[in-house]
Amino acid sequence: MLYILALSRSALVVRHWFEIDLDDASMEHGTRIELRELASGGHRGSESAAQLIAAPGPPACEPGRRARCCAFDLVPGGSCSLELAGLPARTRKATMGLLTIGSFARASRLSPKALRLYDELGLLRPVRVDPQSGYRLYDPGQLEQARLVAWLRRIGMPLSRIRVVCGLPAGAAAVNVAEYWSHVESDIAARRGLAVFLIDYLSGKDTAMHDARKTLGIRYAMRSDIGQLRESNEDAAYAGARLLAVADGLGGHAGGEIASAAAIDALRPLDAELPAGDLLNALEHAVHQANDAMRHIAESDPSLRGLGTTLTAMLWSGSQLALVHIGDSRAYLLRDGDLFQITHDHTLVQTLVDEGRLSPEEAASHPQRSLLLRAIDGRQSEPDLQLQDAQAGDRYLLCSDGLYTVVSAEKLREVMTTLADPEDAVRKLVDLANQGGGPDNITCVVADVVEL
């Protein structure tokens, strides 16, 4: 006789119909079915109700008859031993077949709509599609991956990165998730700072604190060098009382110089007193102006098509510091003896590092380490913007990749902590890059936040 067993719902139990072959043994009303042992991967849960439905069977087996079962938690694809009370013990197999998309959705906590999307993206394909109905059918063994996808989506991970994580061994996947979450927390911290500022600004506290903020200023120095191998310097920089900027031009000898200079020219008017609430808007507007300039230059001179530039810049008002960044120039903060990189490279290799496909050490020597994913080049590439509170004693470093690809982070920290004069620091940093071969142009700006 064939009986269908419906398990009751619980957080860890797969909710689906199981077919259990009980031979032809007849069952008395109130017969108890007790789970004696579980196959590998099973989970024992609390006592729950199950429903026995005969299909088909003699009148003695009423469809819909209820019985009590103990710990009827069965992992899909697993098997268990069943004992029928009052009858000789028999061992029978209970297994789950393919699941419809609805059943699989309920078991995995994903919606059918999401499952269809993941099928289209190749992230979680059904094992079979019914040729007549078009129904997607899933193997119970796919539930673990489906639940992993659901969990990763809940922490906000993009589908492209989830595909990478699902293809990694467990250990490597854990590292990848940790790296992703580190970036999320960094982004949240930056947005939290902006939110706090906006709350204070909109509630009027910004005006109340204005006098205190005027007591902070910066001491700064800037240095740019052609390096040992380049024929010209395609970097450009600016250092003023309220504005610091570094740009690294792209597109060949003439194009690179023009592009970096155009970006700095767009920012130069910002070196004036601005309300703290206008800092981010002013920087973003200047970057868009620079981007428009790139497009007009390329349109007027076809030989300059492909020009572009990176840009990393800081703009001050009182104790508020706004940062704009696009490309692979960098900004660092030295605070309490620790050096932090506060920008994120917009490069192919950095993306591969973020996805766990390259280690930082492998990225440093990768043949495509200079390939940019974002730059000011006349196209629609949005910069990163963030707002920070400056503190007296902070030291900032802005630099092109000609510095940090040659001089190690530890050496950067050493120079930044031991040389008190910004002028001495920039000179030493450029010298170290040239001593390391100087394969690219070298530009850096060092600024100390001081009480006036």
Protein backbone atom coordinates (compact mmCIF):
# COMPACT_ATOMS: atom_id res chain seq x y z
CA MET A 1 0.00 0.00 0.00
CA LEU A 2 1.27 3.52 -0.77
CA TYR A 3 1.01 6.18 1.91
CA ILE A 4 1.82 9.87 1.56
CA LEU A 5 3.32 11.53 4.61
CA ALA A 6 3.17 15.35 5.00
CA LEU A 7 5.68 16.71 7.47
CA SER A 8 4.65 19.58 9.70
CA ARG A 9 6.37 22.95 9.17
CA SER A 10 9.32 24.10 11.23
CA ALA A 11 12.34 26.28 10.59
CA LEU A 12 14.71 23.45 9.72
CA VAL A 13 12.36 20.86 8.26
CA VAL A 14 11.86 20.61 4.53
CA ARG A 15 8.17 21.05 3.88
CA HIS A 16 7.29 18.54 1.20
CA TRP A 17 5.43 15.29 0.58
CA PHE A 18 7.28 12.05 1.16
CA GLU A 19 6.25 8.74 -0.32
CA ILE A 20 6.75 5.84 2.10
CA ASP A 21 6.38 2.24 0.98
CA LEU A 22 4.86 0.26 3.89
CA ASP A 23 4.24 -2.94 1.90
CA ASP A 24 0.67 -4.20 2.48
CA ALA A 25 0.65 -3.99 6.25
CA SER A 26 -2.70 -2.71 7.46
CA MET A 27 -2.72 0.01 10.12
CA GLU A 28 -5.03 0.32 13.08
CA HIS A 29 -6.55 3.69 13.98
CA GLY A 30 -4.09 5.57 16.23
CA THR A 31 -1.05 3.65 14.98
CA ARG A 32 2.12 5.49 16.04
CA ILE A 33 5.07 5.92 13.66
CA GLU A 34 8.30 6.52 15.52
CA LEU A 35 11.57 7.66 13.95
CA ARG A 36 14.30 5.37 15.27
CA GLU A 37 17.38 6.67 13.44
CA LEU A 38 18.32 9.22 10.82
CA ALA A 39 20.69 9.00 7.90
CA SER A 40 23.75 11.29 7.75
CA GLY A 41 22.68 14.91 7.59
CA GLY A 42 19.38 14.39 9.41
CA HIS A 43 18.16 16.71 12.12
CA ARG A 44 16.18 15.71 15.18
CA GLY A 45 13.50 18.22 16.07
CA SER A 46 10.72 18.50 18.60
CA GLU A 47 7.66 16.25 18.59
CA SER A 48 5.27 17.31 15.85
CA ALA A 49 2.10 16.19 14.13
CA ALA A 50 2.05 14.41 10.79
CA GLN A 51 -0.83 13.38 8.59
CA LEU A 52 -1.20 9.97 7.00
CA ILE A 53 -3.19 9.79 3.79
CA ALA A 54 -3.95 6.49 2.09
CA ALA A 55 -3.84 6.64 -1.71
CA PRO A 56 -5.34 4.27 -2.69
CA GLY A 57 -6.13 1.76 0.04
CA PRO A 58 -8.85 -0.39 1.58
CA PRO A 59 -11.62 1.24 3.60
CA ALA A 60 -9.82 0.31 6.81
CA CYS A 61 -7.25 3.07 6.02
CA GLU A 62 -9.12 6.31 6.11
CA PRO A 63 -7.64 9.16 4.08
CA GLY A 64 -6.66 12.08 6.27
CA ARG A 65 -6.31 10.06 9.48
CA ARG A 66 -4.00 11.83 11.97
CA ALA A 67 -1.25 10.22 13.97
CA ARG A 68 1.45 11.49 16.28
CA CYS A 69 5.07 11.18 15.23
CA CYS A 70 8.23 11.83 17.17
CA ALA A 71 11.02 13.93 15.68
CA PHE A 72 9.93 13.53 12.07
CA ASP A 73 12.64 15.82 10.73
CA LEU A 74 14.20 14.44 7.55
CA VAL A 75 16.80 16.07 5.36
CA PRO A 76 15.90 15.96 1.64
CA GLY A 77 17.44 12.96 -0.01
CA GLY A 78 18.06 11.27 3.33
CA SER A 79 16.52 8.06 4.62
CA CYS A 80 15.28 6.77 7.96
CA SER A 81 14.19 3.59 9.69
CA LEU A 82 10.51 3.39 10.63
CA GLU A 83 8.87 1.10 13.19
CA LEU A 84 5.13 0.44 13.08
CA ALA A 85 3.74 -0.01 16.57
CA GLY A 86 2.05 -3.36 17.05
CA LEU A 87 3.58 -4.88 13.91
CA PRO A 88 6.89 -6.62 13.23
CA ALA A 89 9.61 -4.03 12.76
CA ARG A 90 10.45 -3.35 9.14
CA THR A 91 13.02 -0.99 7.72
CA ARG A 92 11.76 1.07 4.81
CA LYS A 93 13.29 3.94 2.86
CA ALA A 94 11.72 7.40 2.74
CA THR A 95 13.21 9.64 0.09
CA MET A 96 12.29 12.88 -1.60
CA GLY A 97 12.09 13.17 -5.38
CA LEU A 98 12.43 16.29 -7.52
CA LEU A 99 10.75 19.41 -6.16
CA THR A 100 8.55 21.80 -8.07
CA ILE A 101 9.61 25.45 -8.02
CA GLY A 102 6.94 26.23 -5.43
CA SER A 103 8.03 23.49 -3.05
CA PHE A 104 11.69 24.33 -3.58
CA ALA A 105 10.97 28.01 -2.93
CA ARG A 106 9.27 27.24 0.38
CA ALA A 107 12.07 24.93 1.47
CA SER A 108 14.87 27.35 0.50
CA ARG A 109 13.10 30.54 1.63
CA LEU A 110 13.55 32.02 -1.83
CA SER A 111 10.65 33.26 -3.90
CA PRO A 112 9.75 31.56 -7.20
CA LYS A 113 10.50 34.89 -8.89
CA ALA A 114 14.01 34.88 -7.43
CA LEU A 115 14.55 31.27 -8.50
CA ARG A 116 13.56 32.11 -12.07
CA LEU A 117 16.02 35.03 -12.05
CA TYR A 118 18.82 32.83 -10.69
CA ASP A 119 18.08 30.30 -13.41
CA GLU A 120 18.39 32.99 -16.09
CA LEU A 121 21.68 34.18 -14.60
CA GLY A 122 23.07 30.65 -14.37
CA LEU A 123 23.40 30.95 -10.60
CA LEU A 124 21.00 28.15 -9.64
CA ARG A 125 19.63 26.12 -12.51
CA PRO A 126 16.90 23.48 -12.12
CA VAL A 127 17.98 19.93 -12.81
CA ARG A 128 15.05 19.46 -15.15
CA VAL A 129 12.43 21.50 -16.97
CA ASP A 130 9.24 19.67 -17.83
CA PRO A 131 9.02 19.73 -21.65
CA GLN A 132 5.21 19.95 -21.63
CA SER A 133 4.39 22.27 -18.73
CA GLY A 134 7.66 24.19 -18.60
CA TYR A 135 7.78 23.66 -14.83
CA ARG A 136 11.22 23.92 -13.28
CA LEU A 137 12.15 20.93 -11.11
CA TYR A 138 14.90 21.01 -8.51
CA ASP A 139 16.91 18.33 -6.78
CA PRO A 140 16.72 18.39 -2.96
CA GLY A 141 20.52 18.36 -2.97
CA GLN A 142 20.43 21.94 -4.33
CA LEU A 143 18.82 23.26 -1.18
CA GLU A 144 22.12 23.94 0.56
CA GLN A 145 23.31 26.16 -2.28
CA ALA A 146 19.90 27.84 -2.49
CA ARG A 147 19.96 28.67 1.20
CA LEU A 148 23.51 30.02 0.85
CA VAL A 149 22.32 32.28 -1.96
CA ALA A 150 19.41 33.47 0.20
CA TRP A 151 21.72 34.27 3.12
CA LEU A 152 24.21 36.12 0.90
CA ARG A 153 21.38 38.17 -0.62
CA ARG A 154 20.21 39.09 2.87
CA ILE A 155 23.59 40.71 3.59
CA GLY A 156 23.29 42.65 0.33
CA MET A 157 25.90 40.80 -1.73
CA PRO A 158 25.55 41.42 -5.50
CA LEU A 159 24.55 38.43 -7.62
CA SER A 160 27.78 38.59 -9.61
CA ARG A 161 29.80 38.13 -6.45
CA ILE A 162 27.45 35.44 -5.11
CA ARG A 163 28.19 33.42 -8.23
CA VAL A 164 31.90 33.58 -7.36
CA VAL A 165 31.34 32.66 -3.70
CA CYS A 166 29.16 29.66 -4.60
CA GLY A 167 31.93 28.33 -6.84
CA LEU A 168 34.59 28.46 -4.11
CA PRO A 169 35.55 25.83 -1.52
CA ALA A 170 34.09 26.54 1.91
CA GLY A 171 37.27 28.08 3.33
CA ALA A 172 37.88 30.39 0.38
CA ALA A 173 34.18 31.33 0.35
CA ALA A 174 34.42 32.33 4.01
CA VAL A 175 37.40 34.58 3.25
CA ASN A 176 35.52 36.14 0.33
CA VAL A 177 32.46 36.88 2.47
CA ALA A 178 34.69 38.39 5.19
CA GLU A 179 36.35 40.67 2.64
CA TYR A 180 32.99 41.72 1.23
CA TRP A 181 31.62 42.54 4.66
CA SER A 182 34.74 44.53 5.52
CA HIS A 183 34.04 46.77 2.52
CA VAL A 184 30.37 47.03 3.50
CA GLU A 185 31.30 48.18 7.00
CA SER A 186 33.76 50.69 5.57
CA ASP A 187 31.07 52.08 3.29
CA ILE A 188 28.56 52.17 6.13
CA ALA A 189 31.05 54.07 8.30
CA ALA A 190 31.55 56.66 5.56
CA ARG A 191 27.80 57.06 5.07
CA ARG A 192 27.26 57.21 8.82
CA GLY A 193 29.66 60.13 9.01
CA LEU A 194 27.79 61.88 6.22
CA ALA A 195 24.44 61.19 7.88
CA VAL A 196 25.63 62.56 11.24
CA PHE A 197 26.91 65.67 9.51
CA LEU A 198 23.63 66.18 7.64
CA ILE A 199 21.61 65.73 10.83
CA ASP A 200 23.75 68.31 12.62
CA TYR A 201 23.70 70.63 9.65
CA LEU A 202 19.94 70.47 9.12
CA SER A 203 19.22 70.86 12.84
CA GLY A 204 21.35 73.99 13.06
CA LYS A 205 24.22 72.51 15.07
CA ASP A 206 26.62 73.15 12.18
CA THR A 207 26.22 76.92 12.68
CA ALA A 208 26.71 76.59 16.42
CA MET A 209 29.99 74.72 15.95
CA HIS A 210 31.33 76.96 13.20
CA ASP A 211 33.53 79.06 15.47
CA ALA A 212 35.19 75.97 16.98
CA ARG A 213 35.89 74.53 13.57
CA LYS A 214 37.74 77.63 12.44
CA THR A 215 40.55 76.76 14.86
CA LEU A 216 41.75 73.91 12.59
CA GLY A 217 43.91 74.37 9.52
CA ILE A 218 46.48 72.46 7.47
CA ARG A 219 50.22 72.61 6.81
CA TYR A 220 51.00 71.03 3.48
CA ALA A 221 53.62 70.27 0.84
CA MET A 222 53.45 68.89 -2.69
CA ARG A 223 56.03 67.30 -4.96
CA SER A 224 55.84 65.76 -8.45
CA ASP A 225 58.62 63.99 -10.36
CA ILE A 226 58.96 62.48 -13.83
CA GLY A 227 60.52 59.28 -12.47
CA GLN A 228 63.33 57.28 -14.06
CA LEU A 229 61.71 55.81 -17.16
CA ARG A 230 59.06 58.24 -18.44
CA GLU A 231 59.74 60.88 -21.07
CA SER A 232 57.21 63.34 -19.61
CA ASN A 233 55.19 63.91 -16.46
CA GLU A 234 51.49 63.16 -16.97
CA ASP A 235 50.67 63.74 -13.30
CA ALA A 236 49.26 67.00 -11.99
CA ALA A 237 48.65 68.18 -8.43
CA TYR A 238 47.40 71.08 -6.36
CA ALA A 239 47.97 72.01 -2.73
CA GLY A 240 46.28 74.97 -1.06
CA ALA A 241 44.89 76.06 2.28
CA ARG A 242 41.54 74.35 1.62
CA LEU A 243 42.10 72.09 -1.38
CA LEU A 244 44.48 69.19 -2.05
CA ALA A 245 44.38 67.15 -5.28
CA VAL A 246 46.36 64.60 -7.28
CA ALA A 247 45.54 63.53 -10.87
CA ASP A 248 47.30 60.89 -12.99
CA GLY A 249 46.70 61.39 -16.72
CA LEU A 250 45.92 58.61 -19.22
CA GLY A 251 46.03 58.40 -22.99
CA GLY A 252 49.64 58.83 -23.98
CA HIS A 253 52.13 61.66 -23.70
CA ALA A 254 50.01 64.65 -24.80
CA GLY A 255 46.62 63.25 -23.80
CA GLY A 256 47.67 62.37 -20.25
CA GLU A 257 49.15 65.79 -19.52
CA ILE A 258 46.09 67.58 -20.89
CA ALA A 259 43.64 65.37 -19.00
CA SER A 260 45.28 65.69 -15.58
CA ALA A 261 45.71 69.44 -16.00
CA ALA A 262 42.05 69.84 -17.00
CA ALA A 263 40.92 67.99 -13.87
CA ILE A 264 43.04 70.18 -11.60
CA ASP A 265 41.82 73.32 -13.38
CA ALA A 266 38.21 72.32 -12.73
CA LEU A 267 38.95 71.98 -9.00
CA ARG A 268 41.16 75.04 -8.54
CA PRO A 269 38.30 77.55 -7.95
CA LEU A 270 37.21 75.51 -4.91
CA ASP A 271 40.23 76.67 -2.89
CA ALA A 272 38.09 79.25 -1.13
CA GLU A 273 35.93 79.39 1.98
CA LEU A 274 32.82 77.27 1.52
CA PRO A 275 30.06 76.25 3.96
CA ALA A 276 30.54 72.71 5.20
CA GLY A 277 27.19 71.77 3.72
CA ASP A 278 28.40 72.65 0.22
CA LEU A 279 31.63 70.62 0.18
CA LEU A 280 30.38 67.40 -1.41
CA ASN A 281 28.17 69.15 -3.95
CA ALA A 282 31.05 71.43 -4.94
CA LEU A 283 33.44 68.52 -5.47
CA GLU A 284 30.90 66.46 -7.41
CA HIS A 285 30.08 69.43 -9.65
CA ALA A 286 33.77 70.06 -10.33
CA VAL A 287 34.30 66.42 -11.34
CA HIS A 288 31.37 66.62 -13.76
CA GLN A 289 32.87 69.79 -15.23
CA ALA A 290 36.19 68.00 -15.68
CA ASN A 291 34.40 65.09 -17.33
CA ASP A 292 32.65 67.45 -19.75
CA ALA A 293 36.01 69.04 -20.54
CA MET A 294 37.46 65.61 -21.44
CA ARG A 295 34.61 64.94 -23.82
CA HIS A 296 34.97 68.31 -25.56
CA ILE A 297 38.75 67.89 -25.89
CA ALA A 298 38.39 64.46 -27.47
CA GLU A 299 35.67 65.67 -29.84
CA SER A 300 37.75 68.65 -31.00
CA ASP A 301 40.95 66.64 -31.53
CA PRO A 302 40.52 63.01 -32.66
CA SER A 303 44.20 62.29 -31.87
CA LEU A 304 43.37 62.76 -28.18
CA ARG A 305 40.54 60.25 -28.05
CA GLY A 306 41.07 57.89 -25.15
CA LEU A 307 42.46 60.55 -22.85
CA GLY A 308 41.40 60.55 -19.22
CA THR A 309 42.66 60.94 -15.71
CA THR A 310 42.37 59.65 -12.18
CA LEU A 311 41.55 62.14 -9.44
CA THR A 312 41.79 62.10 -5.67
CA ALA A 313 41.03 65.39 -3.93
CA MET A 314 40.18 66.78 -0.48
CA LEU A 315 38.30 69.94 0.36
CA TRP A 316 38.21 71.50 3.85
CA SER A 317 35.76 73.64 5.79
CA GLY A 318 36.47 73.94 9.51
CA SER A 319 36.84 70.40 10.80
CA GLN A 320 34.84 68.90 7.94
CA LEU A 321 36.76 67.17 5.17
CA ALA A 322 35.15 66.12 1.88
CA LEU A 323 36.91 63.54 -0.29
CA VAL A 324 36.32 62.76 -3.97
CA HIS A 325 38.01 59.81 -5.64
CA ILE A 326 37.98 58.07 -9.01
CA GLY A 327 40.64 55.79 -10.48
CA ASP A 328 43.72 54.39 -8.74
CA SER A 329 45.39 57.41 -7.17
CA ARG A 330 45.08 57.08 -3.40
CA ALA A 331 44.46 58.90 -0.13
CA TYR A 332 45.88 57.72 3.19
CA LEU A 333 45.21 58.88 6.75
CA LEU A 334 47.81 58.65 9.50
CA ARG A 335 46.08 58.78 12.89
CA ASP A 336 47.55 57.74 16.24
CA GLY A 337 50.49 56.09 14.51
CA ASP A 338 48.40 53.89 12.20
CA LEU A 339 48.22 54.42 8.43
CA PHE A 340 44.88 53.75 6.73
CA GLN A 341 44.08 53.73 3.02
CA ILE A 342 40.79 55.66 2.84
CA THR A 343 40.13 55.28 -0.90
CA HIS A 344 39.30 52.17 -2.91
CA ASP A 345 41.08 51.52 -6.21
CA HIS A 346 38.79 51.38 -9.24
CA THR A 347 40.87 48.76 -11.05
CA LEU A 348 40.32 45.31 -12.48
CA VAL A 349 42.79 43.68 -10.09
CA GLN A 350 41.18 45.32 -7.05
CA THR A 351 37.85 43.87 -8.15
CA LEU A 352 39.48 40.45 -8.43
CA VAL A 353 40.93 40.88 -4.95
CA ASP A 354 37.51 41.91 -3.62
CA GLU A 355 36.00 38.78 -5.20
CA GLY A 356 38.67 36.55 -3.66
CA ARG A 357 40.10 35.56 -7.02
CA LEU A 358 43.46 37.24 -6.39
CA SER A 359 45.48 37.84 -3.26
CA PRO A 360 46.88 41.35 -2.66
CA GLU A 361 50.34 39.94 -3.35
CA GLU A 362 49.24 38.49 -6.69
CA ALA A 363 47.52 41.75 -7.60
CA ALA A 364 50.74 43.71 -7.07
CA SER A 365 52.45 41.84 -9.93
CA HIS A 366 49.41 41.19 -12.14
CA PRO A 367 50.00 42.18 -15.81
CA GLN A 368 46.72 44.12 -15.87
CA ARG A 369 47.17 45.88 -12.52
CA SER A 370 46.92 49.31 -14.20
CA LEU A 371 43.65 48.61 -16.02
CA LEU A 372 41.10 51.11 -14.70
CA LEU A 373 37.38 50.46 -14.41
CA ARG A 374 36.55 54.11 -13.64
CA ALA A 375 38.21 57.39 -14.62
CA ILE A 376 37.36 60.91 -15.70
CA ASP A 377 37.32 60.25 -19.44
CA GLY A 378 34.24 61.97 -20.86
CA ARG A 379 31.93 59.05 -20.14
CA GLN A 380 29.46 58.49 -17.31
CA SER A 381 31.66 57.29 -14.44
CA GLU A 382 30.58 58.37 -10.99
CA PRO A 383 33.25 59.18 -8.38
CA ASP A 384 33.28 58.02 -4.77
CA LEU A 385 32.35 60.80 -2.33
CA GLN A 386 32.73 60.78 1.42
CA LEU A 387 32.76 63.19 4.34
CA GLN A 388 35.05 62.90 7.35
CA ASP A 389 35.76 64.75 10.59
CA ALA A 390 39.36 65.98 10.68
CA GLN A 391 41.22 65.97 13.98
CA ALA A 392 44.23 67.95 15.09
CA GLY A 393 47.26 65.67 14.68
CA ASP A 394 45.91 63.85 11.61
CA ARG A 395 48.24 63.59 8.63
CA TYR A 396 46.98 62.93 5.10
CA LEU A 397 48.84 61.60 2.05
CA LEU A 398 47.52 61.87 -1.50
CA CYS A 399 49.58 60.16 -4.19
CA SER A 400 49.62 58.69 -7.70
CA ASP A 401 50.31 55.01 -8.29
CA GLY A 402 53.94 55.84 -9.12
CA LEU A 403 54.54 56.07 -5.37
CA TYR A 404 52.62 53.25 -3.72
CA THR A 405 53.41 50.59 -6.36
CA VAL A 406 57.11 51.02 -5.55
CA VAL A 407 57.18 52.07 -1.89
CA SER A 408 55.62 49.57 0.52
CA ALA A 409 52.83 50.51 2.91
CA GLU A 410 55.16 49.93 5.85
CA LYS A 411 57.74 52.30 4.39
CA LEU A 412 55.04 54.90 3.73
CA ARG A 413 54.00 54.69 7.38
CA GLU A 414 57.60 54.99 8.52
CA VAL A 415 58.20 58.19 6.54
CA MET A 416 54.85 59.66 7.55
CA THR A 417 55.53 59.04 11.26
CA THR A 418 59.20 60.03 11.46
CA LEU A 419 59.47 63.18 9.33
CA ALA A 420 57.55 65.99 11.00
CA ASP A 421 57.88 68.57 8.22
CA PRO A 422 55.52 67.89 5.26
CA GLU A 423 58.17 69.21 2.87
CA ASP A 424 60.73 66.71 4.17
CA ALA A 425 58.16 63.93 3.93
CA VAL A 426 57.22 64.50 0.27
CA ARG A 427 60.88 64.81 -0.72
CA LYS A 428 61.73 61.53 1.02
CA LEU A 429 58.78 59.70 -0.52
CA VAL A 430 59.71 60.75 -4.05
CA ASP A 431 63.35 59.81 -3.43
CA LEU A 432 62.31 56.33 -2.25
CA ALA A 433 60.20 55.78 -5.38
CA ASN A 434 63.09 56.80 -7.63
CA GLN A 435 65.49 54.58 -5.69
CA GLY A 436 63.05 51.73 -6.32
CA GLY A 437 63.39 52.20 -10.09
CA GLY A 438 60.95 55.07 -10.64
CA PRO A 439 59.01 53.25 -13.40
CA ASP A 440 56.23 55.88 -13.46
CA ASN A 441 55.62 59.51 -12.66
CA ILE A 442 55.60 60.16 -8.90
CA THR A 443 53.34 62.71 -7.24
CA CYS A 444 52.42 63.14 -3.60
CA VAL A 445 50.86 65.68 -1.26
CA VAL A 446 51.27 65.55 2.54
CA ALA A 447 49.06 67.67 4.80
CA ASP A 448 49.00 67.99 8.59
CA VAL A 449 45.84 69.05 10.44
CA VAL A 450 46.86 71.62 13.04
CA GLU A 451 45.24 73.94 15.54
CA LEU A 452 45.55 77.56 14.47
